[in-house]
């Protein structure tokens, strides 16, 4: 069931901002569409962090 924030983003045709907290204490903000899966978001995060997904498969990383 989508939360109110997601419904409002869908109605106004905006991207959803998702904060990703890293274990080193910092965080990054990733913008996602409502139809994107965790796999899509994980690829965006890896690209944002500068990790080459052709060399290191995204399956090595996980969300906690």
PDB file of N, CA and C in Angstrom:
ATOM      1  N   UNK A   1       0.836  -1.173   0.000  1.00  0.00           N
ATOM      2  CA  UNK A   1       0.000   0.000   0.000  1.00  0.00           C
ATOM      3  C   UNK A   1       0.889   1.247   0.000  1.00  0.00           C
ATOM      4  N   UNK A   2       0.722   2.142  -0.979  1.00  0.00           N
ATOM      5  CA  UNK A   2       1.564   3.339  -1.028  1.00  0.00           C
ATOM      6  C   UNK A   2       1.243   4.305   0.112  1.00  0.00           C
ATOM      7  N   UNK A   3       2.271   5.005   0.542  1.00  0.00           N
ATOM      8  CA  UNK A   3       2.062   5.990   1.601  1.00  0.00           C
ATOM      9  C   UNK A   3       1.556   7.296   0.986  1.00  0.00           C
ATOM     10  N   UNK A   4       1.082   8.199   1.834  1.00  0.00           N
ATOM     11  CA  UNK A   4       0.489   9.459   1.372  1.00  0.00           C
ATOM     12  C   UNK A   4       1.483  10.271   0.544  1.00  0.00           C
ATOM     13  N   UNK A   5       2.754  10.256   0.937  1.00  0.00           N
ATOM     14  CA  UNK A   5       3.791  10.994   0.214  1.00  0.00           C
ATOM     15  C   UNK A   5       3.910  10.487  -1.225  1.00  0.00           C
ATOM     16  N   UNK A   6       3.861   9.157  -1.406  1.00  0.00           N
ATOM     17  CA  UNK A   6       3.959   8.571  -2.733  1.00  0.00           C
ATOM     18  C   UNK A   6       2.740   8.927  -3.579  1.00  0.00           C
ATOM     19  N   UNK A   7       1.571   8.892  -2.979  1.00  0.00           N
ATOM     20  CA  UNK A   7       0.347   9.231  -3.706  1.00  0.00           C
ATOM     21  C   UNK A   7       0.383  10.687  -4.163  1.00  0.00           C
ATOM     22  N   UNK A   8       0.839  11.575  -3.280  1.00  0.00           N
ATOM     23  CA  UNK A   8       0.932  12.995  -3.645  1.00  0.00           C
ATOM     24  C   UNK A   8       1.944  13.203  -4.777  1.00  0.00           C
ATOM     25  N   UNK A   9       3.049  12.465  -4.748  1.00  0.00           N
ATOM     26  CA  UNK A   9       4.049  12.573  -5.813  1.00  0.00           C
ATOM     27  C   UNK A   9       3.483  12.079  -7.135  1.00  0.00           C
ATOM     28  N   UNK A  10       2.698  11.006  -7.089  1.00  0.00           N
ATOM     29  CA  UNK A  10       2.068  10.497  -8.304  1.00  0.00           C
ATOM     30  C   UNK A  10       1.070  11.504  -8.870  1.00  0.00           C
ATOM     31  N   UNK A  11       0.274  12.085  -8.007  1.00  0.00           N
ATOM     32  CA  UNK A  11      -0.754  13.025  -8.453  1.00  0.00           C
ATOM     33  C   UNK A  11      -0.144  14.287  -9.053  1.00  0.00           C
ATOM     34  N   UNK A  12       0.968  14.734  -8.513  1.00  0.00           N
ATOM     35  CA  UNK A  12       1.608  15.937  -9.036  1.00  0.00           C
ATOM     36  C   UNK A  12       2.680  15.617 -10.073  1.00  0.00           C
ATOM     37  N   UNK A  13       2.818  14.338 -10.428  1.00  0.00           N
ATOM     38  CA  UNK A  13       3.769  13.872 -11.451  1.00  0.00           C
ATOM     39  C   UNK A  13       5.201  14.278 -11.127  1.00  0.00           C
ATOM     40  N   UNK A  14       5.579  14.100  -9.865  1.00  0.00           N
ATOM     41  CA  UNK A  14       6.938  14.389  -9.407  1.00  0.00           C
ATOM     42  C   UNK A  14       7.677  13.088  -9.144  1.00  0.00           C
ATOM     43  N   UNK A  15       8.995  13.199  -9.119  1.00  0.00           N
ATOM     44  CA  UNK A  15       9.797  12.064  -8.702  1.00  0.00           C
ATOM     45  C   UNK A  15       9.812  12.004  -7.182  1.00  0.00           C
ATOM     46  N   UNK A  16      10.014  10.807  -6.649  1.00  0.00           N
ATOM     47  CA  UNK A  16      10.066  10.592  -5.211  1.00  0.00           C
ATOM     48  C   UNK A  16      11.531  10.669  -4.780  1.00  0.00           C
ATOM     49  N   UNK A  17      11.830  11.479  -3.779  1.00  0.00           N
ATOM     50  CA  UNK A  17      13.192  11.590  -3.253  1.00  0.00           C
ATOM     51  C   UNK A  17      13.381  10.545  -2.159  1.00  0.00           C
ATOM     52  N   UNK A  18      14.431   9.736  -2.302  1.00  0.00           N
ATOM     53  CA  UNK A  18      14.699   8.673  -1.337  1.00  0.00           C
ATOM     54  C   UNK A  18      16.088   8.911  -0.732  1.00  0.00           C
ATOM     55  N   UNK A  19      16.161   9.172   0.567  1.00  0.00           N
ATOM     56  CA  UNK A  19      17.489   9.310   1.179  1.00  0.00           C
ATOM     57  C   UNK A  19      18.098   7.921   1.405  1.00  0.00           C
ATOM     58  N   UNK A  20      19.341   7.770   1.007  1.00  0.00           N
ATOM     59  CA  UNK A  20      20.079   6.520   1.199  1.00  0.00           C
ATOM     60  C   UNK A  20      21.193   6.810   2.192  1.00  0.00           C
ATOM     61  N   UNK A  21      21.120   6.172   3.366  1.00  0.00           N
ATOM     62  CA  UNK A  21      22.108   6.378   4.423  1.00  0.00           C
ATOM     63  C   UNK A  21      23.197   5.322   4.298  1.00  0.00           C
ATOM     64  N   UNK A  22      24.430   5.774   4.265  1.00  0.00           N
ATOM     65  CA  UNK A  22      25.573   4.879   4.117  1.00  0.00           C
ATOM     66  C   UNK A  22      26.135   4.523   5.484  1.00  0.00           C
ATOM     67  N   UNK A  23      26.797   3.351   5.600  1.00  0.00           N
ATOM     68  CA  UNK A  23      27.331   2.936   6.893  1.00  0.00           C
ATOM     69  C   UNK A  23      28.448   3.838   7.426  1.00  0.00           C
ATOM     70  N   UNK A  24      29.018   4.679   6.579  1.00  0.00           N
ATOM     71  CA  UNK A  24      30.098   5.559   7.030  1.00  0.00           C
ATOM     72  C   UNK A  24      29.566   6.848   7.649  1.00  0.00           C
ATOM     73  N   UNK A  25      28.221   6.987   7.689  1.00  0.00           N
ATOM     74  CA  UNK A  25      27.613   8.134   8.338  1.00  0.00           C
ATOM     75  C   UNK A  25      27.081   9.191   7.396  1.00  0.00           C
ATOM     76  N   UNK A  26      27.422   9.130   6.122  1.00  0.00           N
ATOM     77  CA  UNK A  26      26.908  10.116   5.175  1.00  0.00           C
ATOM     78  C   UNK A  26      25.664   9.562   4.480  1.00  0.00           C
ATOM     79  N   UNK A  27      25.072  10.384   3.647  1.00  0.00           N
ATOM     80  CA  UNK A  27      23.908   9.933   2.903  1.00  0.00           C
ATOM     81  C   UNK A  27      23.871  10.589   1.534  1.00  0.00           C
ATOM     82  N   UNK A  28      23.087  10.010   0.635  1.00  0.00           N
ATOM     83  CA  UNK A  28      22.863  10.589  -0.687  1.00  0.00           C
ATOM     84  C   UNK A  28      21.361  10.582  -0.933  1.00  0.00           C
ATOM     85  N   UNK A  29      20.924  11.453  -1.805  1.00  0.00           N
ATOM     86  CA  UNK A  29      19.509  11.558  -2.130  1.00  0.00           C
ATOM     87  C   UNK A  29      19.321  11.083  -3.560  1.00  0.00           C
ATOM     88  N   UNK A  30      18.481  10.071  -3.744  1.00  0.00           N
ATOM     89  CA  UNK A  30      18.220   9.502  -5.051  1.00  0.00           C
ATOM     90  C   UNK A  30      16.778   9.800  -5.428  1.00  0.00           C
ATOM     91  N   UNK A  31      16.577  10.258  -6.642  1.00  0.00           N
ATOM     92  CA  UNK A  31      15.221  10.520  -7.118  1.00  0.00           C
ATOM     93  C   UNK A  31      14.761   9.322  -7.936  1.00  0.00           C
ATOM     94  N   UNK A  32      13.546   8.844  -7.656  1.00  0.00           N
ATOM     95  CA  UNK A  32      13.020   7.661  -8.324  1.00  0.00           C
ATOM     96  C   UNK A  32      11.590   7.910  -8.777  1.00  0.00           C
ATOM     97  N   UNK A  33      11.208   7.213  -9.807  1.00  0.00           N
ATOM     98  CA  UNK A  33       9.823   7.236 -10.270  1.00  0.00           C
ATOM     99  C   UNK A  33       9.040   6.200  -9.471  1.00  0.00           C
ATOM    100  N   UNK A  34       7.747   6.336  -9.456  1.00  0.00           N
ATOM    101  CA  UNK A  34       6.915   5.440  -8.646  1.00  0.00           C
ATOM    102  C   UNK A  34       6.926   4.004  -9.156  1.00  0.00           C
ATOM    103  N   UNK A  35       7.232   3.807 -10.417  1.00  0.00           N
ATOM    104  CA  UNK A  35       7.206   2.467 -11.006  1.00  0.00           C
ATOM    105  C   UNK A  35       8.548   1.738 -10.902  1.00  0.00           C
ATOM    106  N   UNK A  36       9.591   2.395 -10.400  1.00  0.00           N
ATOM    107  CA  UNK A  36      10.905   1.772 -10.319  1.00  0.00           C
ATOM    108  C   UNK A  36      10.978   0.784  -9.161  1.00  0.00           C
ATOM    109  N   UNK A  37      11.711  -0.287  -9.373  1.00  0.00           N
ATOM    110  CA  UNK A  37      11.870  -1.321  -8.359  1.00  0.00           C
ATOM    111  C   UNK A  37      13.124  -1.056  -7.527  1.00  0.00           C
ATOM    112  N   UNK A  38      13.317  -1.868  -6.470  1.00  0.00           N
ATOM    113  CA  UNK A  38      14.538  -1.757  -5.668  1.00  0.00           C
ATOM    114  C   UNK A  38      15.774  -1.998  -6.518  1.00  0.00           C
ATOM    115  N   UNK A  39      15.677  -2.899  -7.468  1.00  0.00           N
ATOM    116  CA  UNK A  39      16.809  -3.180  -8.352  1.00  0.00           C
ATOM    117  C   UNK A  39      17.191  -1.941  -9.157  1.00  0.00           C
ATOM    118  N   UNK A  40      16.203  -1.231  -9.679  1.00  0.00           N
ATOM    119  CA  UNK A  40      16.464   0.002 -10.431  1.00  0.00           C
ATOM    120  C   UNK A  40      17.084   1.066  -9.536  1.00  0.00           C
ATOM    121  N   UNK A  41      16.556   1.187  -8.335  1.00  0.00           N
ATOM    122  CA  UNK A  41      17.070   2.188  -7.390  1.00  0.00           C
ATOM    123  C   UNK A  41      18.495   1.832  -6.963  1.00  0.00           C
ATOM    124  N   UNK A  42      18.756   0.539  -6.771  1.00  0.00           N
ATOM    125  CA  UNK A  42      20.109   0.107  -6.396  1.00  0.00           C
ATOM    126  C   UNK A  42      21.110   0.475  -7.492  1.00  0.00           C
ATOM    127  N   UNK A  43      20.734   0.294  -8.749  1.00  0.00           N
ATOM    128  CA  UNK A  43      21.621   0.659  -9.857  1.00  0.00           C
ATOM    129  C   UNK A  43      21.882   2.160  -9.866  1.00  0.00           C
ATOM    130  N   UNK A  44      20.852   2.970  -9.585  1.00  0.00           N
ATOM    131  CA  UNK A  44      21.039   4.419  -9.515  1.00  0.00           C
ATOM    132  C   UNK A  44      22.000   4.797  -8.399  1.00  0.00           C
ATOM    133  N   UNK A  45      21.870   4.141  -7.244  1.00  0.00           N
ATOM    134  CA  UNK A  45      22.748   4.430  -6.109  1.00  0.00           C
ATOM    135  C   UNK A  45      24.189   4.068  -6.449  1.00  0.00           C
ATOM    136  N   UNK A  46      24.390   2.922  -7.068  1.00  0.00           N
ATOM    137  CA  UNK A  46      25.748   2.500  -7.423  1.00  0.00           C
ATOM    138  C   UNK A  46      26.373   3.455  -8.432  1.00  0.00           C
ATOM    139  N   UNK A  47      25.584   3.910  -9.390  1.00  0.00           N
ATOM    140  CA  UNK A  47      26.101   4.881 -10.362  1.00  0.00           C
ATOM    141  C   UNK A  47      26.436   6.191  -9.655  1.00  0.00           C
ATOM    142  N   UNK A  48      25.577   6.620  -8.733  1.00  0.00           N
ATOM    143  CA  UNK A  48      25.818   7.854  -7.968  1.00  0.00           C
ATOM    144  C   UNK A  48      27.102   7.752  -7.143  1.00  0.00           C
ATOM    145  N   UNK A  49      27.398   6.563  -6.629  1.00  0.00           N
ATOM    146  CA  UNK A  49      28.610   6.357  -5.831  1.00  0.00           C
ATOM    147  C   UNK A  49      29.850   6.123  -6.691  1.00  0.00           C
ATOM    148  N   UNK A  50      29.655   6.021  -8.008  1.00  0.00           N
ATOM    149  CA  UNK A  50      30.789   5.835  -8.908  1.00  0.00           C
ATOM    150  C   UNK A  50      31.260   4.401  -9.015  1.00  0.00           C
ATOM    151  N   UNK A  51      30.398   3.442  -8.733  1.00  0.00           N
ATOM    152  CA  UNK A  51      30.756   2.027  -8.821  1.00  0.00           C
ATOM    153  C   UNK A  51      30.385   1.517 -10.200  1.00  0.00           C
ATOM    154  N   UNK A  52      31.332   0.910 -10.878  1.00  0.00           N
ATOM    155  CA  UNK A  52      31.115   0.381 -12.223  1.00  0.00           C
ATOM    156  C   UNK A  52      30.298  -0.908 -12.130  1.00  0.00           C
ATOM    157  N   UNK A  53      29.041  -0.868 -12.563  1.00  0.00           N
ATOM    158  CA  UNK A  53      28.161  -2.038 -12.446  1.00  0.00           C
ATOM    159  C   UNK A  53      28.475  -3.113 -13.475  1.00  0.00           C
ATOM    160  N   UNK A  54      29.299  -2.781 -14.484  1.00  0.00           N
ATOM    161  CA  UNK A  54      29.731  -3.814 -15.429  1.00  0.00           C
ATOM    162  C   UNK A  54      30.830  -4.672 -14.816  1.00  0.00           C
ATOM    163  N   UNK A  55      31.633  -4.069 -13.965  1.00  0.00           N
ATOM    164  CA  UNK A  55      32.747  -4.780 -13.329  1.00  0.00           C
ATOM    165  C   UNK A  55      32.316  -5.479 -12.043  1.00  0.00           C
ATOM    166  N   UNK A  56      31.531  -4.794 -11.220  1.00  0.00           N
ATOM    167  CA  UNK A  56      31.052  -5.358  -9.956  1.00  0.00           C
ATOM    168  C   UNK A  56      29.535  -5.497 -10.058  1.00  0.00           C
ATOM    169  N   UNK A  57      29.008  -6.711 -10.033  1.00  0.00           N
ATOM    170  CA  UNK A  57      27.559  -6.899 -10.172  1.00  0.00           C
ATOM    171  C   UNK A  57      26.774  -6.256  -9.024  1.00  0.00           C
ATOM    172  N   UNK A  58      25.621  -5.641  -9.329  1.00  0.00           N
ATOM    173  CA  UNK A  58      24.791  -5.031  -8.279  1.00  0.00           C
ATOM    174  C   UNK A  58      24.306  -6.033  -7.234  1.00  0.00           C
ATOM    175  N   UNK A  59      24.309  -7.316  -7.538  1.00  0.00           N
ATOM    176  CA  UNK A  59      23.859  -8.334  -6.594  1.00  0.00           C
ATOM    177  C   UNK A  59      24.773  -8.433  -5.379  1.00  0.00           C
ATOM    178  N   UNK A  60      25.982  -7.874  -5.451  1.00  0.00           N
ATOM    179  CA  UNK A  60      26.903  -7.885  -4.316  1.00  0.00           C
ATOM    180  C   UNK A  60      26.499  -6.889  -3.230  1.00  0.00           C
ATOM    181  N   UNK A  61      25.576  -5.992  -3.543  1.00  0.00           N
ATOM    182  CA  UNK A  61      25.170  -4.938  -2.631  1.00  0.00           C
ATOM    183  C   UNK A  61      23.719  -5.153  -2.220  1.00  0.00           C
ATOM    184  N   UNK A  62      23.372  -4.670  -1.021  1.00  0.00           N
ATOM    185  CA  UNK A  62      21.999  -4.847  -0.514  1.00  0.00           C
ATOM    186  C   UNK A  62      21.591  -3.635   0.317  1.00  0.00           C
ATOM    187  N   UNK A  63      20.290  -3.444   0.431  1.00  0.00           N
ATOM    188  CA  UNK A  63      19.733  -2.420   1.306  1.00  0.00           C
ATOM    189  C   UNK A  63      19.468  -3.046   2.669  1.00  0.00           C
ATOM    190  N   UNK A  64      19.683  -2.289   3.728  1.00  0.00           N
ATOM    191  CA  UNK A  64      19.374  -2.756   5.086  1.00  0.00           C
ATOM    192  C   UNK A  64      18.257  -1.948   5.659  1.00  0.00           C
TER     193      UNK A  64
END
